[in-house]
Amino acid sequence: MRLKFVFTLAISTMLFGCAATPEHIKEMSEKQAKLEAETELLSQDIVLLKSQINNLQQSNSKLKKRMDVLEKKGAFSGSPPAKSPEALYRVAESYYREGKFEEAILEFQRFIDTYPQDKR
């Protein structure tokens, strides 16, 4: 008798407990539609981000190539770009007049190294 009761209770729970009301079905359908719309938006965002990453990688590759060219030309050798001979000589002279003899020597040497053919 007890076994019959438990069995009947189990069967009725399965039959009636699993039945969904129309309101519950409508609510679940709305939630599903909302989740599908959000998933579509996220998919579009992923496609856009992948495109942006690809563009950044291409730009990075171009920049690396430019850096390599500049390095081969010595643009990153640590020395500033060469000034005109007049500008270098005037800087060296101004250091000398100010009594900054070490700086003057360095500037005169830079002048000689940069413009060895100059008569000064």
Protein backbone atom coordinates (compact mmCIF):
# COMPACT_ATOMS: atom_id res chain seq x y z
CA MET A 1 0.00 0.00 0.00
CA ARG A 2 2.73 2.38 0.95
CA LEU A 3 4.62 1.55 -2.26
CA LYS A 4 1.51 2.32 -4.31
CA PHE A 5 1.16 5.70 -2.63
CA VAL A 6 4.78 6.66 -3.24
CA PHE A 7 4.54 5.48 -6.84
CA THR A 8 1.31 7.43 -7.43
CA LEU A 9 2.80 10.50 -5.80
CA ALA A 10 5.90 10.27 -7.98
CA ILE A 11 3.87 9.85 -11.18
CA SER A 12 1.52 12.73 -10.36
CA THR A 13 4.47 14.98 -9.48
CA MET A 14 6.09 14.24 -12.81
CA LEU A 15 2.90 14.82 -14.78
CA PHE A 16 1.64 17.93 -13.05
CA GLY A 17 4.95 19.37 -11.88
CA CYS A 18 6.33 19.50 -15.41
CA ALA A 19 3.28 21.12 -16.94
CA ALA A 20 3.85 24.77 -17.76
CA THR A 21 1.20 27.41 -17.74
CA PRO A 22 0.61 29.57 -20.81
CA GLU A 23 1.95 32.59 -18.91
CA HIS A 24 5.13 30.72 -18.06
CA ILE A 25 5.59 29.67 -21.68
CA LYS A 26 5.04 33.26 -22.88
CA GLU A 27 7.53 34.57 -20.30
CA MET A 28 10.14 32.02 -21.31
CA SER A 29 9.59 32.80 -25.00
CA GLU A 30 10.11 36.53 -24.36
CA LYS A 31 13.28 35.83 -22.40
CA GLN A 32 14.55 33.63 -25.21
CA ALA A 33 13.83 36.32 -27.82
CA LYS A 34 15.62 38.92 -25.68
CA LEU A 35 18.66 36.65 -25.23
CA GLU A 36 18.78 35.92 -28.96
CA ALA A 37 18.72 39.67 -29.74
CA GLU A 38 21.52 40.30 -27.23
CA THR A 39 23.51 37.42 -28.69
CA GLU A 40 23.14 38.92 -32.18
CA LEU A 41 24.39 42.31 -30.94
CA LEU A 42 27.36 40.66 -29.25
CA SER A 43 28.15 38.77 -32.44
CA GLN A 44 28.15 42.02 -34.39
CA ASP A 45 30.43 43.59 -31.76
CA ILE A 46 32.83 40.66 -32.10
CA VAL A 47 32.97 41.06 -35.89
CA LEU A 48 33.65 44.80 -35.48
CA LEU A 49 36.36 44.20 -32.88
CA LYS A 50 38.05 41.59 -35.08
CA SER A 51 38.10 44.12 -37.92
CA GLN A 52 39.58 46.79 -35.67
CA ILE A 53 42.23 44.36 -34.39
CA ASN A 54 43.14 43.48 -37.97
CA ASN A 55 43.46 47.19 -38.85
CA LEU A 56 45.65 47.78 -35.80
CA GLN A 57 47.86 44.84 -36.70
CA GLN A 58 48.30 46.18 -40.23
CA SER A 59 49.13 49.65 -38.91
CA ASN A 60 51.58 48.15 -36.44
CA SER A 61 53.25 46.20 -39.22
CA LYS A 62 53.60 49.36 -41.33
CA LEU A 63 55.05 51.26 -38.39
CA LYS A 64 57.58 48.50 -37.71
CA LYS A 65 58.68 48.61 -41.35
CA ARG A 66 59.09 52.40 -41.15
CA MET A 67 61.07 52.07 -37.90
CA ASP A 68 63.36 49.53 -39.55
CA VAL A 69 63.99 51.90 -42.46
CA LEU A 70 64.73 54.79 -40.09
CA GLU A 71 67.04 52.63 -37.98
CA LYS A 72 68.97 51.62 -41.09
CA LYS A 73 69.34 55.31 -41.94
CA GLY A 74 70.69 55.95 -38.45
CA ALA A 75 67.78 58.03 -37.22
CA PHE A 76 68.01 56.46 -33.77
CA SER A 77 71.77 56.66 -33.33
CA GLY A 78 71.42 58.85 -30.26
CA SER A 79 72.87 61.98 -31.80
CA PRO A 80 70.54 64.83 -32.65
CA PRO A 81 70.06 65.74 -36.28
CA ALA A 82 72.90 67.78 -37.74
CA LYS A 83 72.51 71.54 -37.58
CA SER A 84 73.81 73.87 -40.24
CA PRO A 85 77.56 74.61 -40.01
CA GLU A 86 76.84 78.20 -39.00
CA ALA A 87 74.48 77.13 -36.21
CA LEU A 88 76.94 74.59 -34.79
CA TYR A 89 79.82 77.05 -34.91
CA ARG A 90 77.76 79.82 -33.26
CA VAL A 91 76.72 77.48 -30.43
CA ALA A 92 80.35 76.50 -29.83
CA GLU A 93 81.44 80.15 -29.85
CA SER A 94 78.70 81.16 -27.42
CA TYR A 95 79.82 78.46 -24.98
CA TYR A 96 83.36 79.75 -25.28
CA ARG A 97 82.32 83.38 -24.64
CA GLU A 98 80.30 82.30 -21.59
CA GLY A 99 83.34 80.52 -20.17
CA LYS A 100 81.79 77.08 -20.58
CA PHE A 101 84.95 75.65 -22.03
CA GLU A 102 84.09 71.94 -21.78
CA GLU A 103 80.79 72.49 -23.63
CA ALA A 104 82.61 74.69 -26.17
CA ILE A 105 85.19 71.96 -26.82
CA LEU A 106 82.43 69.38 -27.32
CA GLU A 107 80.53 71.64 -29.71
CA PHE A 108 83.69 72.55 -31.67
CA GLN A 109 84.47 68.84 -31.94
CA ARG A 110 80.93 68.10 -33.13
CA PHE A 111 81.39 70.87 -35.72
CA ILE A 112 84.68 69.33 -36.93
CA ASP A 113 83.19 65.82 -37.02
CA THR A 114 80.04 66.90 -38.83
CA TYR A 115 81.66 69.34 -41.28
CA PRO A 116 85.30 68.26 -41.74
CA GLN A 117 85.65 70.19 -45.04
CA ASP A 118 84.65 73.55 -43.51
CA LYS A 119 87.54 76.06 -43.45
CA ARG A 120 86.88 77.12 -39.86
